[in-house]
Amino acid sequence: MAKTIMVVDDSASLRQVVGIALRGAGYDVIEGCDGRDALAKLTGQKVHLVISDVNMPNMDGITFVKNLKQLPAYKFTPVIMLTTESQEGKKQEGQAAGAKAWVVKPFQPAQMLAAVAKLVMP
């Protein structure tokens, strides 16, 4: 059975690029256009990993991760922040919210897939 990964980013083209890389590696993908949209799509189904942008309208990635971690079904779901933000303060804020990894855009799909493989449990 394929593992499910949620990709949350306000850029449709980035969601598409990440989605193609993930689907090519055999994962199922759920997409959210911002934190609020992503939370609405999380209805208790098993999600093995979340990849989220930081800067988004309606609900930013850090707020999204904080809300995600409040949901019992997703309390232990690993999160990768995929963002243009590279400041140490933002990274620490993301880690405090519950992010396990931080990948800076632009990124290589292989780099992202390596991070995904480390965090998605068999």
C-alpha atoms as a PDB file:
ATOM      1  CA  MET A   1       0.000   0.000   0.000  1.00  0.00           C
ATOM      2  CA  ALA A   2       1.354   3.424  -0.973  1.00  0.00           C
ATOM      3  CA  LYS A   3       2.243   5.926   1.737  1.00  0.00           C
ATOM      4  CA  THR A   4       0.277   9.183   1.666  1.00  0.00           C
ATOM      5  CA  ILE A   5       1.999  12.565   1.748  1.00  0.00           C
ATOM      6  CA  MET A   6       0.267  15.935   2.031  1.00  0.00           C
ATOM      7  CA  VAL A   7       1.845  18.860   0.153  1.00  0.00           C
ATOM      8  CA  VAL A   8       0.801  22.320   1.354  1.00  0.00           C
ATOM      9  CA  ASP A   9       1.916  25.322  -0.702  1.00  0.00           C
ATOM     10  CA  ASP A  10       0.174  28.362  -2.172  1.00  0.00           C
ATOM     11  CA  SER A  11       2.140  27.889  -5.410  1.00  0.00           C
ATOM     12  CA  ALA A  12       0.260  25.522  -7.722  1.00  0.00           C
ATOM     13  CA  SER A  13       3.409  24.977  -9.821  1.00  0.00           C
ATOM     14  CA  LEU A  14       5.432  23.993  -6.748  1.00  0.00           C
ATOM     15  CA  ARG A  15       2.685  21.595  -5.605  1.00  0.00           C
ATOM     16  CA  GLN A  16       2.787  20.120  -9.109  1.00  0.00           C
ATOM     17  CA  VAL A  17       6.598  19.674  -9.134  1.00  0.00           C
ATOM     18  CA  VAL A  18       6.643  18.129  -5.648  1.00  0.00           C
ATOM     19  CA  GLY A  19       3.614  15.978  -6.490  1.00  0.00           C
ATOM     20  CA  ILE A  20       5.234  14.626  -9.668  1.00  0.00           C
ATOM     21  CA  ALA A  21       8.436  13.745  -7.766  1.00  0.00           C
ATOM     22  CA  LEU A  22       6.491  12.048  -4.963  1.00  0.00           C
ATOM     23  CA  ARG A  23       4.099  10.154  -7.250  1.00  0.00           C
ATOM     24  CA  GLY A  24       7.098   9.074  -9.339  1.00  0.00           C
ATOM     25  CA  ALA A  25       8.605   7.609  -6.156  1.00  0.00           C
ATOM     26  CA  GLY A  26       5.382   5.677  -5.473  1.00  0.00           C
ATOM     27  CA  TYR A  27       3.635   7.917  -2.935  1.00  0.00           C
ATOM     28  CA  ASP A  28      -0.005   9.025  -2.900  1.00  0.00           C
ATOM     29  CA  VAL A  29      -0.336  12.819  -2.665  1.00  0.00           C
ATOM     30  CA  ILE A  30      -2.962  15.102  -1.125  1.00  0.00           C
ATOM     31  CA  GLU A  31      -2.585  18.809  -1.914  1.00  0.00           C
ATOM     32  CA  GLY A  32      -3.540  21.876   0.100  1.00  0.00           C
ATOM     33  CA  CYS A  33      -3.233  25.470  -1.164  1.00  0.00           C
ATOM     34  CA  ASP A  34      -2.677  26.926   2.330  1.00  0.00           C
ATOM     35  CA  GLY A  35      -2.810  25.863   5.959  1.00  0.00           C
ATOM     36  CA  ARG A  36      -6.555  26.349   6.300  1.00  0.00           C
ATOM     37  CA  ASP A  37      -7.292  24.329   3.146  1.00  0.00           C
ATOM     38  CA  ALA A  38      -4.926  21.565   4.286  1.00  0.00           C
ATOM     39  CA  LEU A  39      -6.544  21.292   7.731  1.00  0.00           C
ATOM     40  CA  ALA A  40      -9.975  21.047   6.089  1.00  0.00           C
ATOM     41  CA  LYS A  41      -8.731  18.104   3.976  1.00  0.00           C
ATOM     42  CA  LEU A  42      -7.373  16.209   6.986  1.00  0.00           C
ATOM     43  CA  THR A  43     -10.379  14.151   7.997  1.00  0.00           C
ATOM     44  CA  GLY A  44      -8.672  11.441  10.030  1.00  0.00           C
ATOM     45  CA  GLN A  45      -7.210   9.479   7.108  1.00  0.00           C
ATOM     46  CA  LYS A  46      -3.647   8.203   7.564  1.00  0.00           C
ATOM     47  CA  VAL A  47      -1.077  10.726   6.331  1.00  0.00           C
ATOM     48  CA  HIS A  48       2.508   9.508   6.639  1.00  0.00           C
ATOM     49  CA  LEU A  49       4.202  12.885   6.100  1.00  0.00           C
ATOM     50  CA  VAL A  50       3.373  16.544   5.514  1.00  0.00           C
ATOM     51  CA  ILE A  51       5.486  18.871   3.354  1.00  0.00           C
ATOM     52  CA  SER A  52       4.539  22.500   3.956  1.00  0.00           C
ATOM     53  CA  ASP A  53       5.608  25.944   2.799  1.00  0.00           C
ATOM     54  CA  VAL A  54       6.056  28.623   5.471  1.00  0.00           C
ATOM     55  CA  ASN A  55       4.772  31.782   3.752  1.00  0.00           C
ATOM     56  CA  MET A  56       1.160  31.299   2.615  1.00  0.00           C
ATOM     57  CA  PRO A  57      -2.055  33.358   2.710  1.00  0.00           C
ATOM     58  CA  ASN A  58      -4.941  32.543   5.104  1.00  0.00           C
ATOM     59  CA  MET A  59      -2.781  30.369   7.387  1.00  0.00           C
ATOM     60  CA  ASP A  60       1.017  30.249   7.248  1.00  0.00           C
ATOM     61  CA  GLY A  61       2.981  27.017   7.548  1.00  0.00           C
ATOM     62  CA  ILE A  62       4.124  27.474  11.165  1.00  0.00           C
ATOM     63  CA  THR A  63       0.536  28.109  12.335  1.00  0.00           C
ATOM     64  CA  PHE A  64      -0.609  25.147  10.228  1.00  0.00           C
ATOM     65  CA  VAL A  65       1.937  22.817  11.872  1.00  0.00           C
ATOM     66  CA  LYS A  66       0.917  24.009  15.351  1.00  0.00           C
ATOM     67  CA  ASN A  67      -2.745  23.285  14.492  1.00  0.00           C
ATOM     68  CA  LEU A  68      -1.865  19.941  12.880  1.00  0.00           C
ATOM     69  CA  LYS A  69      -0.042  18.790  16.026  1.00  0.00           C
ATOM     70  CA  GLN A  70      -3.175  19.546  18.099  1.00  0.00           C
ATOM     71  CA  LEU A  71      -5.120  16.902  16.160  1.00  0.00           C
ATOM     72  CA  PRO A  72      -4.793  13.455  17.799  1.00  0.00           C
ATOM     73  CA  ALA A  73      -4.648  11.637  14.437  1.00  0.00           C
ATOM     74  CA  TYR A  74      -1.697  13.774  13.290  1.00  0.00           C
ATOM     75  CA  LYS A  75       0.157  14.462  16.538  1.00  0.00           C
ATOM     76  CA  PHE A  76       3.057  12.232  15.474  1.00  0.00           C
ATOM     77  CA  THR A  77       2.948  12.901  11.705  1.00  0.00           C
ATOM     78  CA  PRO A  78       6.388  14.148  10.610  1.00  0.00           C
ATOM     79  CA  VAL A  79       6.556  17.525   8.853  1.00  0.00           C
ATOM     80  CA  ILE A  80       9.102  18.883   6.367  1.00  0.00           C
ATOM     81  CA  MET A  81       9.074  22.650   5.844  1.00  0.00           C
ATOM     82  CA  LEU A  82       9.856  23.422   2.174  1.00  0.00           C
ATOM     83  CA  THR A  83      10.463  27.158   1.961  1.00  0.00           C
ATOM     84  CA  THR A  84      12.541  30.089   0.760  1.00  0.00           C
ATOM     85  CA  GLU A  85      13.120  30.998   4.429  1.00  0.00           C
ATOM     86  CA  SER A  86      16.641  30.148   5.559  1.00  0.00           C
ATOM     87  CA  GLN A  87      17.002  32.301   8.698  1.00  0.00           C
ATOM     88  CA  GLU A  88      17.903  30.374  11.831  1.00  0.00           C
ATOM     89  CA  GLY A  89      15.082  32.065  13.789  1.00  0.00           C
ATOM     90  CA  LYS A  90      12.446  30.795  11.362  1.00  0.00           C
ATOM     91  CA  LYS A  91      13.939  27.296  11.462  1.00  0.00           C
ATOM     92  CA  GLN A  92      13.802  27.291  15.257  1.00  0.00           C
ATOM     93  CA  GLU A  93      10.203  28.525  15.142  1.00  0.00           C
ATOM     94  CA  GLY A  94       9.381  25.673  12.746  1.00  0.00           C
ATOM     95  CA  GLN A  95      11.092  23.093  14.943  1.00  0.00           C
ATOM     96  CA  ALA A  96       9.289  24.422  18.012  1.00  0.00           C
ATOM     97  CA  ALA A  97       5.979  24.008  16.132  1.00  0.00           C
ATOM     98  CA  GLY A  98       6.873  20.397  15.312  1.00  0.00           C
ATOM     99  CA  ALA A  99       8.724  20.396  11.967  1.00  0.00           C
ATOM    100  CA  LYS A 100      11.291  17.601  11.668  1.00  0.00           C
ATOM    101  CA  ALA A 101      13.211  18.872   8.613  1.00  0.00           C
ATOM    102  CA  TRP A 102      13.787  22.108   6.733  1.00  0.00           C
ATOM    103  CA  VAL A 103      14.419  22.139   2.961  1.00  0.00           C
ATOM    104  CA  VAL A 104      15.210  25.488   1.332  1.00  0.00           C
ATOM    105  CA  LYS A 105      13.859  26.358  -2.136  1.00  0.00           C
ATOM    106  CA  PRO A 106      15.055  26.053  -4.809  1.00  0.00           C
ATOM    107  CA  PHE A 107      15.575  22.373  -4.067  1.00  0.00           C
ATOM    108  CA  GLN A 108      16.576  19.261  -5.951  1.00  0.00           C
ATOM    109  CA  PRO A 109      13.793  16.648  -6.073  1.00  0.00           C
ATOM    110  CA  ALA A 110      16.368  13.986  -5.082  1.00  0.00           C
ATOM    111  CA  GLN A 111      17.267  16.003  -1.967  1.00  0.00           C
ATOM    112  CA  MET A 112      13.596  16.285  -1.008  1.00  0.00           C
ATOM    113  CA  LEU A 113      12.939  12.578  -1.687  1.00  0.00           C
ATOM    114  CA  ALA A 114      15.925  11.647   0.513  1.00  0.00           C
ATOM    115  CA  ALA A 115      14.434  13.695   3.383  1.00  0.00           C
ATOM    116  CA  VAL A 116      11.022  12.089   2.743  1.00  0.00           C
ATOM    117  CA  ALA A 117      12.497   8.578   2.780  1.00  0.00           C
ATOM    118  CA  LYS A 118      14.161   9.244   6.170  1.00  0.00           C
ATOM    119  CA  LEU A 119      10.896  10.417   7.747  1.00  0.00           C
ATOM    120  CA  VAL A 120       8.304   8.071   6.225  1.00  0.00           C
ATOM    121  CA  MET A 121       8.256   4.947   8.332  1.00  0.00           C
ATOM    122  CA  PRO A 122       7.972   1.615   6.499  1.00  0.00           C
END
